[in-house]
N, C-alpha and C. Protein backbone atom coordinates (compact mmCIF):
# COMPACT_ATOMS: atom_id res chain seq x y z
N UNK A 1 -8.75 -14.79 -18.44
CA UNK A 1 -8.87 -13.64 -19.29
C UNK A 1 -8.74 -12.39 -18.42
N UNK A 2 -7.88 -11.50 -18.81
CA UNK A 2 -7.76 -10.21 -18.13
C UNK A 2 -8.58 -9.21 -18.92
N UNK A 3 -9.49 -8.54 -18.23
CA UNK A 3 -10.37 -7.58 -18.89
C UNK A 3 -10.55 -6.36 -18.01
N UNK A 4 -10.76 -5.20 -18.64
CA UNK A 4 -11.07 -4.01 -17.86
C UNK A 4 -12.57 -3.93 -17.57
N UNK A 5 -13.35 -4.79 -18.20
CA UNK A 5 -14.81 -4.90 -18.01
C UNK A 5 -15.56 -3.62 -18.34
N UNK A 6 -14.95 -2.75 -19.10
CA UNK A 6 -15.66 -1.54 -19.54
C UNK A 6 -16.74 -1.86 -20.57
N UNK A 7 -16.54 -2.95 -21.29
CA UNK A 7 -17.49 -3.37 -22.30
C UNK A 7 -17.98 -4.77 -21.97
N UNK A 8 -19.26 -4.96 -22.08
CA UNK A 8 -19.87 -6.26 -21.82
C UNK A 8 -19.76 -7.12 -23.07
N UNK A 9 -19.42 -8.39 -22.88
CA UNK A 9 -19.30 -9.33 -23.99
C UNK A 9 -20.19 -10.54 -23.73
N UNK A 10 -21.09 -10.82 -24.67
CA UNK A 10 -21.94 -12.00 -24.56
C UNK A 10 -21.12 -13.28 -24.63
N UNK A 11 -20.04 -13.26 -25.41
CA UNK A 11 -19.17 -14.44 -25.52
C UNK A 11 -18.50 -14.72 -24.17
N UNK A 12 -17.98 -13.69 -23.55
CA UNK A 12 -17.36 -13.84 -22.23
C UNK A 12 -18.39 -14.38 -21.24
N UNK A 13 -19.59 -13.84 -21.28
CA UNK A 13 -20.65 -14.29 -20.39
C UNK A 13 -20.94 -15.78 -20.58
N UNK A 14 -21.06 -16.19 -21.83
CA UNK A 14 -21.34 -17.59 -22.14
C UNK A 14 -20.23 -18.51 -21.61
N UNK A 15 -18.99 -18.12 -21.83
CA UNK A 15 -17.86 -18.93 -21.38
C UNK A 15 -17.75 -18.96 -19.85
N UNK A 16 -18.04 -17.85 -19.20
CA UNK A 16 -18.07 -17.84 -17.73
C UNK A 16 -19.16 -18.77 -17.21
N UNK A 17 -20.33 -18.67 -17.81
CA UNK A 17 -21.47 -19.49 -17.37
C UNK A 17 -21.21 -20.98 -17.57
N UNK A 18 -20.41 -21.33 -18.57
CA UNK A 18 -20.11 -22.74 -18.86
C UNK A 18 -18.82 -23.20 -18.18
N UNK A 19 -18.26 -22.39 -17.29
CA UNK A 19 -17.02 -22.73 -16.59
C UNK A 19 -15.83 -22.95 -17.53
N UNK A 20 -15.80 -22.24 -18.63
CA UNK A 20 -14.72 -22.40 -19.61
C UNK A 20 -13.61 -21.38 -19.42
N UNK A 21 -13.91 -20.27 -18.75
CA UNK A 21 -12.90 -19.23 -18.50
C UNK A 21 -13.10 -18.64 -17.12
N UNK A 22 -12.07 -17.97 -16.66
CA UNK A 22 -12.17 -17.09 -15.50
C UNK A 22 -11.72 -15.72 -15.98
N UNK A 23 -12.17 -14.69 -15.29
CA UNK A 23 -11.72 -13.34 -15.64
C UNK A 23 -11.14 -12.65 -14.40
N UNK A 24 -10.21 -11.77 -14.66
CA UNK A 24 -9.66 -10.90 -13.63
C UNK A 24 -9.80 -9.47 -14.11
N UNK A 25 -10.35 -8.64 -13.24
CA UNK A 25 -10.52 -7.22 -13.53
C UNK A 25 -9.90 -6.42 -12.41
N UNK A 26 -9.02 -5.51 -12.76
CA UNK A 26 -8.38 -4.64 -11.78
C UNK A 26 -9.14 -3.32 -11.73
N UNK A 27 -9.74 -3.04 -10.58
CA UNK A 27 -10.56 -1.83 -10.46
C UNK A 27 -9.77 -0.69 -9.82
N UNK A 28 -9.09 -0.94 -8.74
CA UNK A 28 -8.12 -0.01 -8.15
C UNK A 28 -8.67 1.33 -7.67
N UNK A 29 -9.95 1.40 -7.42
CA UNK A 29 -10.49 2.65 -6.88
C UNK A 29 -11.87 2.41 -6.30
N UNK A 30 -12.31 3.38 -5.52
CA UNK A 30 -13.62 3.28 -4.92
C UNK A 30 -14.53 4.42 -5.32
N UNK A 31 -14.04 5.30 -6.18
CA UNK A 31 -14.89 6.42 -6.62
C UNK A 31 -14.56 6.81 -8.05
N UNK A 32 -15.45 7.59 -8.63
CA UNK A 32 -15.34 7.97 -10.04
C UNK A 32 -14.06 8.74 -10.36
N UNK A 33 -13.72 9.71 -9.53
CA UNK A 33 -12.56 10.55 -9.85
C UNK A 33 -11.25 9.77 -9.78
N UNK A 34 -11.11 8.90 -8.78
CA UNK A 34 -9.89 8.08 -8.70
C UNK A 34 -9.82 7.11 -9.86
N UNK A 35 -10.95 6.52 -10.22
CA UNK A 35 -10.97 5.58 -11.34
C UNK A 35 -10.52 6.29 -12.61
N UNK A 36 -11.05 7.47 -12.84
CA UNK A 36 -10.68 8.23 -14.05
C UNK A 36 -9.19 8.59 -14.01
N UNK A 37 -8.70 9.00 -12.85
CA UNK A 37 -7.29 9.37 -12.72
C UNK A 37 -6.38 8.16 -12.98
N UNK A 38 -6.74 7.01 -12.42
CA UNK A 38 -5.91 5.81 -12.53
C UNK A 38 -6.06 5.14 -13.90
N UNK A 39 -7.27 5.01 -14.36
CA UNK A 39 -7.55 4.28 -15.61
C UNK A 39 -7.59 5.18 -16.85
N UNK A 40 -7.75 6.48 -16.64
CA UNK A 40 -7.77 7.40 -17.78
C UNK A 40 -9.10 7.52 -18.47
N UNK A 41 -10.13 6.88 -17.93
CA UNK A 41 -11.48 6.95 -18.51
C UNK A 41 -12.52 6.98 -17.39
N UNK A 42 -13.67 7.56 -17.71
CA UNK A 42 -14.82 7.41 -16.81
C UNK A 42 -15.32 5.99 -16.96
N UNK A 43 -15.94 5.47 -15.94
CA UNK A 43 -16.54 4.17 -16.15
C UNK A 43 -16.59 3.22 -14.98
N UNK A 44 -16.30 3.68 -13.79
CA UNK A 44 -16.31 2.75 -12.65
C UNK A 44 -17.68 2.08 -12.49
N UNK A 45 -18.75 2.84 -12.67
CA UNK A 45 -20.08 2.25 -12.50
C UNK A 45 -20.39 1.25 -13.61
N UNK A 46 -19.92 1.52 -14.82
CA UNK A 46 -20.09 0.59 -15.93
C UNK A 46 -19.34 -0.72 -15.66
N UNK A 47 -18.13 -0.61 -15.13
CA UNK A 47 -17.34 -1.80 -14.80
C UNK A 47 -18.07 -2.64 -13.75
N UNK A 48 -18.54 -1.99 -12.70
CA UNK A 48 -19.26 -2.73 -11.66
C UNK A 48 -20.54 -3.36 -12.21
N UNK A 49 -21.24 -2.64 -13.06
CA UNK A 49 -22.47 -3.18 -13.67
C UNK A 49 -22.15 -4.43 -14.51
N UNK A 50 -21.12 -4.34 -15.34
CA UNK A 50 -20.75 -5.49 -16.18
C UNK A 50 -20.30 -6.67 -15.33
N UNK A 51 -19.54 -6.41 -14.28
CA UNK A 51 -19.13 -7.49 -13.38
C UNK A 51 -20.33 -8.14 -12.70
N UNK A 52 -21.30 -7.32 -12.36
CA UNK A 52 -22.54 -7.84 -11.75
C UNK A 52 -23.23 -8.81 -12.72
N UNK A 53 -23.28 -8.45 -13.99
CA UNK A 53 -23.88 -9.34 -15.00
C UNK A 53 -23.06 -10.62 -15.13
N UNK A 54 -21.75 -10.47 -15.25
CA UNK A 54 -20.87 -11.63 -15.41
C UNK A 54 -20.97 -12.58 -14.21
N UNK A 55 -21.17 -12.05 -13.04
CA UNK A 55 -21.13 -12.85 -11.81
C UNK A 55 -22.45 -13.56 -11.48
N UNK A 56 -23.49 -13.29 -12.21
CA UNK A 56 -24.80 -13.84 -11.84
C UNK A 56 -24.80 -15.36 -11.69
N UNK A 57 -24.19 -16.08 -12.62
CA UNK A 57 -24.25 -17.53 -12.58
C UNK A 57 -23.04 -18.16 -11.88
N UNK A 58 -21.86 -17.69 -12.16
CA UNK A 58 -20.64 -18.30 -11.62
C UNK A 58 -19.68 -17.24 -11.06
N UNK A 59 -20.01 -16.66 -9.94
CA UNK A 59 -19.13 -15.62 -9.38
C UNK A 59 -17.74 -16.14 -9.03
N UNK A 60 -17.62 -17.45 -8.82
CA UNK A 60 -16.31 -18.04 -8.50
C UNK A 60 -15.33 -17.90 -9.66
N UNK A 61 -15.83 -17.61 -10.85
CA UNK A 61 -14.98 -17.45 -12.02
C UNK A 61 -14.47 -16.02 -12.21
N UNK A 62 -14.77 -15.18 -11.25
CA UNK A 62 -14.39 -13.76 -11.37
C UNK A 62 -13.48 -13.37 -10.21
N UNK A 63 -12.34 -12.78 -10.56
CA UNK A 63 -11.43 -12.22 -9.57
C UNK A 63 -11.39 -10.71 -9.77
N UNK A 64 -11.65 -10.01 -8.70
CA UNK A 64 -11.60 -8.55 -8.71
C UNK A 64 -10.33 -8.14 -7.98
N UNK A 65 -9.49 -7.42 -8.69
CA UNK A 65 -8.17 -7.07 -8.20
C UNK A 65 -8.13 -5.59 -7.80
N UNK A 66 -7.43 -5.33 -6.72
CA UNK A 66 -7.22 -3.94 -6.27
C UNK A 66 -5.72 -3.74 -6.11
N UNK A 67 -5.14 -2.89 -6.94
CA UNK A 67 -3.71 -2.56 -6.85
C UNK A 67 -3.58 -1.32 -5.98
N UNK A 68 -3.00 -1.49 -4.81
CA UNK A 68 -2.84 -0.39 -3.86
C UNK A 68 -1.66 0.49 -4.26
N UNK A 69 -1.93 1.80 -4.27
CA UNK A 69 -0.91 2.82 -4.54
C UNK A 69 -1.16 3.97 -3.57
N UNK A 70 -0.25 4.91 -3.52
CA UNK A 70 -0.41 6.02 -2.57
C UNK A 70 -1.65 6.85 -2.86
N UNK A 71 -2.11 6.88 -4.11
CA UNK A 71 -3.25 7.73 -4.46
C UNK A 71 -4.60 7.01 -4.45
N UNK A 72 -4.64 5.75 -3.99
CA UNK A 72 -5.93 5.05 -3.96
C UNK A 72 -6.10 4.17 -2.72
N UNK A 73 -5.33 4.47 -1.69
CA UNK A 73 -5.31 3.56 -0.53
C UNK A 73 -5.84 4.18 0.76
N UNK A 74 -6.56 5.28 0.64
CA UNK A 74 -7.12 5.90 1.85
C UNK A 74 -8.26 5.05 2.39
N UNK A 75 -8.54 5.24 3.65
CA UNK A 75 -9.63 4.52 4.32
C UNK A 75 -10.95 4.72 3.56
N UNK A 76 -11.27 5.96 3.22
CA UNK A 76 -12.54 6.23 2.54
C UNK A 76 -12.59 5.60 1.15
N UNK A 77 -11.48 5.61 0.45
CA UNK A 77 -11.43 5.00 -0.89
C UNK A 77 -11.71 3.49 -0.80
N UNK A 78 -11.09 2.84 0.16
CA UNK A 78 -11.26 1.40 0.32
C UNK A 78 -12.67 1.06 0.80
N UNK A 79 -13.22 1.88 1.70
CA UNK A 79 -14.60 1.67 2.15
C UNK A 79 -15.58 1.85 1.00
N UNK A 80 -15.35 2.84 0.14
CA UNK A 80 -16.21 3.04 -1.03
C UNK A 80 -16.14 1.84 -1.97
N UNK A 81 -14.94 1.31 -2.17
CA UNK A 81 -14.76 0.13 -3.02
C UNK A 81 -15.59 -1.04 -2.48
N UNK A 82 -15.47 -1.31 -1.20
CA UNK A 82 -16.20 -2.43 -0.60
C UNK A 82 -17.71 -2.18 -0.66
N UNK A 83 -18.13 -0.94 -0.48
CA UNK A 83 -19.54 -0.60 -0.59
C UNK A 83 -20.07 -0.90 -2.00
N UNK A 84 -19.28 -0.59 -3.01
CA UNK A 84 -19.68 -0.89 -4.39
C UNK A 84 -19.73 -2.41 -4.64
N UNK A 85 -18.84 -3.14 -4.01
CA UNK A 85 -18.86 -4.60 -4.11
C UNK A 85 -20.19 -5.14 -3.58
N UNK A 86 -20.58 -4.64 -2.42
CA UNK A 86 -21.82 -5.10 -1.78
C UNK A 86 -23.03 -4.69 -2.61
N UNK A 87 -23.08 -3.43 -3.02
CA UNK A 87 -24.23 -2.92 -3.80
C UNK A 87 -24.42 -3.65 -5.12
N UNK A 88 -23.35 -4.19 -5.66
CA UNK A 88 -23.43 -4.88 -6.95
C UNK A 88 -23.44 -6.41 -6.81
N UNK A 89 -23.68 -6.89 -5.60
CA UNK A 89 -23.81 -8.33 -5.34
C UNK A 89 -22.59 -9.13 -5.82
N UNK A 90 -21.40 -8.63 -5.51
CA UNK A 90 -20.17 -9.28 -5.96
C UNK A 90 -19.42 -9.98 -4.83
N UNK A 91 -20.08 -10.22 -3.72
CA UNK A 91 -19.39 -10.78 -2.55
C UNK A 91 -19.01 -12.26 -2.72
N UNK A 92 -19.52 -12.93 -3.73
CA UNK A 92 -19.16 -14.32 -3.97
C UNK A 92 -18.00 -14.46 -4.96
N UNK A 93 -17.49 -13.33 -5.43
CA UNK A 93 -16.32 -13.33 -6.32
C UNK A 93 -15.06 -13.51 -5.48
N UNK A 94 -13.93 -13.62 -6.15
CA UNK A 94 -12.61 -13.71 -5.51
C UNK A 94 -11.99 -12.31 -5.52
N UNK A 95 -11.16 -12.04 -4.51
CA UNK A 95 -10.55 -10.71 -4.40
C UNK A 95 -9.05 -10.82 -4.22
N UNK A 96 -8.35 -10.16 -5.11
CA UNK A 96 -6.89 -10.16 -5.13
C UNK A 96 -6.40 -8.77 -4.75
N UNK A 97 -5.58 -8.70 -3.72
CA UNK A 97 -5.01 -7.43 -3.27
C UNK A 97 -3.56 -7.41 -3.69
N UNK A 98 -3.17 -6.33 -4.38
CA UNK A 98 -1.83 -6.24 -4.95
C UNK A 98 -1.23 -4.87 -4.69
N UNK A 99 -0.06 -4.65 -5.26
CA UNK A 99 0.62 -3.36 -5.16
C UNK A 99 1.19 -2.99 -6.53
N UNK A 100 1.68 -1.80 -6.63
CA UNK A 100 2.27 -1.30 -7.87
C UNK A 100 3.55 -2.08 -8.17
N UNK A 101 3.64 -2.68 -9.35
CA UNK A 101 4.81 -3.49 -9.68
C UNK A 101 6.08 -2.66 -9.79
N UNK A 102 5.96 -1.34 -9.90
CA UNK A 102 7.14 -0.47 -9.97
C UNK A 102 7.79 -0.25 -8.61
N UNK A 103 7.07 -0.56 -7.54
CA UNK A 103 7.62 -0.36 -6.19
C UNK A 103 8.44 -1.58 -5.78
N UNK A 104 9.71 -1.34 -5.41
CA UNK A 104 10.56 -2.45 -4.97
C UNK A 104 10.10 -3.01 -3.63
N UNK A 105 9.61 -2.14 -2.75
CA UNK A 105 9.00 -2.58 -1.50
C UNK A 105 7.84 -1.64 -1.22
N UNK A 106 6.92 -2.11 -0.42
CA UNK A 106 5.75 -1.28 -0.14
C UNK A 106 5.92 -0.59 1.21
N UNK A 107 5.32 0.56 1.31
CA UNK A 107 5.41 1.36 2.53
C UNK A 107 4.54 0.76 3.63
N UNK A 108 4.80 1.20 4.85
CA UNK A 108 3.97 0.78 5.98
C UNK A 108 2.51 1.17 5.75
N UNK A 109 2.29 2.31 5.10
CA UNK A 109 0.92 2.76 4.82
C UNK A 109 0.21 1.79 3.88
N UNK A 110 0.91 1.33 2.86
CA UNK A 110 0.30 0.38 1.93
C UNK A 110 0.07 -0.97 2.62
N UNK A 111 0.99 -1.38 3.47
CA UNK A 111 0.79 -2.63 4.23
C UNK A 111 -0.46 -2.51 5.10
N UNK A 112 -0.62 -1.37 5.77
CA UNK A 112 -1.84 -1.18 6.56
C UNK A 112 -3.07 -1.19 5.67
N UNK A 113 -3.01 -0.47 4.54
CA UNK A 113 -4.17 -0.42 3.64
C UNK A 113 -4.53 -1.80 3.12
N UNK A 114 -3.53 -2.62 2.81
CA UNK A 114 -3.80 -3.98 2.36
C UNK A 114 -4.51 -4.76 3.48
N UNK A 115 -4.03 -4.61 4.69
CA UNK A 115 -4.65 -5.29 5.84
C UNK A 115 -6.07 -4.76 6.08
N UNK A 116 -6.24 -3.46 5.95
CA UNK A 116 -7.56 -2.83 6.14
C UNK A 116 -8.54 -3.33 5.09
N UNK A 117 -8.12 -3.36 3.82
CA UNK A 117 -9.00 -3.84 2.76
C UNK A 117 -9.33 -5.31 2.97
N UNK A 118 -8.34 -6.11 3.32
CA UNK A 118 -8.56 -7.53 3.60
C UNK A 118 -9.64 -7.68 4.69
N UNK A 119 -9.48 -6.95 5.78
CA UNK A 119 -10.42 -7.06 6.90
C UNK A 119 -11.82 -6.58 6.51
N UNK A 120 -11.90 -5.49 5.73
CA UNK A 120 -13.22 -5.02 5.28
C UNK A 120 -13.93 -6.07 4.44
N UNK A 121 -13.19 -6.72 3.55
CA UNK A 121 -13.78 -7.75 2.70
C UNK A 121 -14.18 -8.98 3.52
N UNK A 122 -13.34 -9.39 4.45
CA UNK A 122 -13.66 -10.55 5.29
C UNK A 122 -14.86 -10.26 6.18
N UNK A 123 -14.99 -9.02 6.62
CA UNK A 123 -16.13 -8.62 7.44
C UNK A 123 -17.45 -8.86 6.69
N UNK A 124 -17.40 -8.76 5.38
CA UNK A 124 -18.59 -8.99 4.54
C UNK A 124 -18.76 -10.47 4.17
N UNK A 125 -18.03 -11.34 4.87
CA UNK A 125 -18.10 -12.79 4.66
C UNK A 125 -17.66 -13.23 3.27
N UNK A 126 -16.75 -12.48 2.70
CA UNK A 126 -16.19 -12.87 1.40
C UNK A 126 -15.18 -13.98 1.66
N UNK A 127 -15.37 -15.10 0.99
CA UNK A 127 -14.57 -16.29 1.28
C UNK A 127 -13.15 -16.20 0.75
N UNK A 128 -12.98 -15.71 -0.48
CA UNK A 128 -11.66 -15.74 -1.10
C UNK A 128 -11.12 -14.32 -1.23
N UNK A 129 -10.17 -14.00 -0.35
CA UNK A 129 -9.47 -12.72 -0.36
C UNK A 129 -8.00 -13.05 -0.16
N UNK A 130 -7.14 -12.59 -1.07
CA UNK A 130 -5.74 -12.95 -0.92
C UNK A 130 -4.80 -11.82 -1.37
N UNK A 131 -3.65 -11.81 -0.73
CA UNK A 131 -2.55 -10.94 -1.16
C UNK A 131 -1.82 -11.70 -2.25
N UNK A 132 -1.62 -11.09 -3.40
CA UNK A 132 -0.93 -11.81 -4.46
C UNK A 132 0.57 -11.87 -4.22
N UNK A 133 1.25 -12.62 -5.05
CA UNK A 133 2.69 -12.84 -4.90
C UNK A 133 3.47 -11.53 -4.93
N UNK A 134 3.08 -10.63 -5.80
CA UNK A 134 3.77 -9.35 -5.91
C UNK A 134 3.74 -8.59 -4.59
N UNK A 135 2.58 -8.50 -3.98
CA UNK A 135 2.44 -7.81 -2.71
C UNK A 135 3.19 -8.55 -1.60
N UNK A 136 3.01 -9.85 -1.53
CA UNK A 136 3.68 -10.63 -0.47
C UNK A 136 5.20 -10.48 -0.54
N UNK A 137 5.75 -10.52 -1.74
CA UNK A 137 7.20 -10.42 -1.89
C UNK A 137 7.74 -9.04 -1.53
N UNK A 138 6.92 -8.01 -1.67
CA UNK A 138 7.40 -6.66 -1.42
C UNK A 138 7.08 -6.15 -0.01
N UNK A 139 6.29 -6.90 0.71
CA UNK A 139 5.97 -6.52 2.09
C UNK A 139 7.17 -6.81 2.98
N UNK A 140 7.55 -5.82 3.77
CA UNK A 140 8.65 -6.01 4.70
C UNK A 140 8.12 -5.73 6.10
N UNK A 141 7.93 -6.81 6.84
CA UNK A 141 7.51 -6.68 8.24
C UNK A 141 8.73 -7.06 9.06
N UNK A 142 9.34 -6.06 9.66
CA UNK A 142 10.65 -6.24 10.29
C UNK A 142 10.59 -6.75 11.72
N UNK A 143 9.43 -6.64 12.35
CA UNK A 143 9.35 -7.10 13.73
C UNK A 143 7.91 -7.42 14.10
N UNK A 144 7.78 -8.08 15.23
CA UNK A 144 6.45 -8.39 15.75
C UNK A 144 5.69 -7.09 16.06
N UNK A 145 6.45 -6.02 16.36
CA UNK A 145 5.82 -4.72 16.62
C UNK A 145 5.04 -4.21 15.42
N UNK A 146 5.54 -4.48 14.21
CA UNK A 146 4.82 -4.06 13.01
C UNK A 146 3.43 -4.70 12.96
N UNK A 147 3.38 -5.99 13.25
CA UNK A 147 2.10 -6.70 13.24
C UNK A 147 1.20 -6.18 14.35
N UNK A 148 1.78 -5.95 15.52
CA UNK A 148 1.01 -5.40 16.64
C UNK A 148 0.43 -4.04 16.27
N UNK A 149 1.22 -3.21 15.62
CA UNK A 149 0.75 -1.89 15.20
C UNK A 149 -0.40 -1.99 14.20
N UNK A 150 -0.30 -2.92 13.28
CA UNK A 150 -1.38 -3.12 12.31
C UNK A 150 -2.65 -3.55 13.03
N UNK A 151 -2.53 -4.52 13.92
CA UNK A 151 -3.71 -4.98 14.67
C UNK A 151 -4.32 -3.87 15.53
N UNK A 152 -3.46 -3.07 16.17
CA UNK A 152 -3.96 -1.95 16.98
C UNK A 152 -4.68 -0.92 16.12
N UNK A 153 -4.14 -0.64 14.94
CA UNK A 153 -4.79 0.30 14.02
C UNK A 153 -6.12 -0.26 13.54
N UNK A 154 -6.17 -1.54 13.22
CA UNK A 154 -7.42 -2.16 12.79
C UNK A 154 -8.45 -2.18 13.92
N UNK A 155 -7.96 -2.30 15.15
CA UNK A 155 -8.86 -2.33 16.31
C UNK A 155 -9.67 -1.03 16.41
N UNK A 156 -9.08 0.09 16.02
CA UNK A 156 -9.78 1.38 16.04
C UNK A 156 -11.05 1.34 15.20
N UNK A 157 -11.06 0.46 14.20
CA UNK A 157 -12.21 0.35 13.28
C UNK A 157 -13.01 -0.93 13.52
N UNK A 158 -12.69 -1.64 14.60
CA UNK A 158 -13.40 -2.88 14.92
C UNK A 158 -13.07 -4.01 13.95
N UNK A 159 -11.87 -3.98 13.36
CA UNK A 159 -11.51 -4.97 12.35
C UNK A 159 -10.35 -5.88 12.76
N UNK A 160 -9.89 -5.78 13.98
CA UNK A 160 -8.72 -6.55 14.41
C UNK A 160 -8.96 -8.05 14.44
N UNK A 161 -10.19 -8.48 14.59
CA UNK A 161 -10.48 -9.91 14.68
C UNK A 161 -10.32 -10.63 13.34
N UNK A 162 -10.16 -9.90 12.26
CA UNK A 162 -10.02 -10.51 10.95
C UNK A 162 -8.57 -10.84 10.59
N UNK A 163 -7.65 -10.50 11.47
CA UNK A 163 -6.24 -10.83 11.28
C UNK A 163 -5.88 -11.86 12.35
N UNK A 164 -5.33 -12.97 11.91
CA UNK A 164 -4.98 -14.05 12.83
C UNK A 164 -3.91 -13.61 13.82
N UNK A 165 -3.95 -14.22 14.98
CA UNK A 165 -2.95 -13.98 16.02
C UNK A 165 -2.09 -15.23 16.15
N UNK A 166 -0.80 -15.10 15.91
CA UNK A 166 0.09 -16.26 15.97
C UNK A 166 0.12 -16.91 17.35
N UNK A 167 -0.25 -16.17 18.37
CA UNK A 167 -0.28 -16.73 19.73
C UNK A 167 -1.33 -17.84 19.86
N UNK A 168 -2.27 -17.89 18.94
CA UNK A 168 -3.32 -18.91 18.97
C UNK A 168 -2.85 -20.26 18.42
N UNK A 169 -1.62 -20.32 17.92
CA UNK A 169 -1.15 -21.53 17.25
C UNK A 169 0.21 -21.96 17.79
N UNK A 170 0.36 -23.28 17.98
CA UNK A 170 1.66 -23.83 18.38
C UNK A 170 2.62 -23.83 17.20
N UNK A 171 2.08 -24.18 16.04
CA UNK A 171 2.90 -24.19 14.83
C UNK A 171 2.01 -23.91 13.63
N UNK A 172 2.65 -23.51 12.55
CA UNK A 172 1.92 -23.21 11.31
C UNK A 172 2.65 -23.93 10.18
N UNK A 173 1.88 -24.59 9.34
CA UNK A 173 2.43 -25.28 8.17
C UNK A 173 1.93 -24.53 6.93
N UNK A 174 2.85 -24.09 6.09
CA UNK A 174 2.50 -23.36 4.88
C UNK A 174 2.84 -24.24 3.69
N UNK A 175 1.85 -24.46 2.81
CA UNK A 175 2.06 -25.25 1.60
C UNK A 175 2.27 -24.33 0.42
N UNK A 176 3.06 -24.77 -0.51
CA UNK A 176 3.27 -24.01 -1.75
C UNK A 176 4.55 -23.21 -1.67
N UNK A 177 4.73 -22.36 -2.67
CA UNK A 177 5.94 -21.55 -2.69
C UNK A 177 5.64 -20.10 -2.95
């Protein structure tokens, strides 16, 4: 079920608690003004409150999505988002990092922001954090230097250890498509 979580539903709660549904909510901001600008309504705190209620029994049934765009991908915005996740006890939920579907490819800034958000969430011991297919398909990393630059930038914030280093592996096997 895709929901904006602005309104709490007892039926949704019951189905989540019984493992009958999963929900995905796209929040896409870390503060009130960005949320209002992106979503067109006030309500970021209401959304987090409702997600907190939904997640009490089965947080594994909840995916919180963040669609990165030029107007919501600053360091402070992402840190505020993660802070709200922690304050609302949502660290056992799943986290999907995405990009604007209108963008044919994502900028280096968005690639860094995706990596930064991933590292911030992993730092909080969140088990399930993933780049969705849309983001993965639009990411263009043209050289090993791009990855090195991302790791060096993350190092400034003490987050470089959350990105794997290919030098640690002889080979990598990827399953799926």
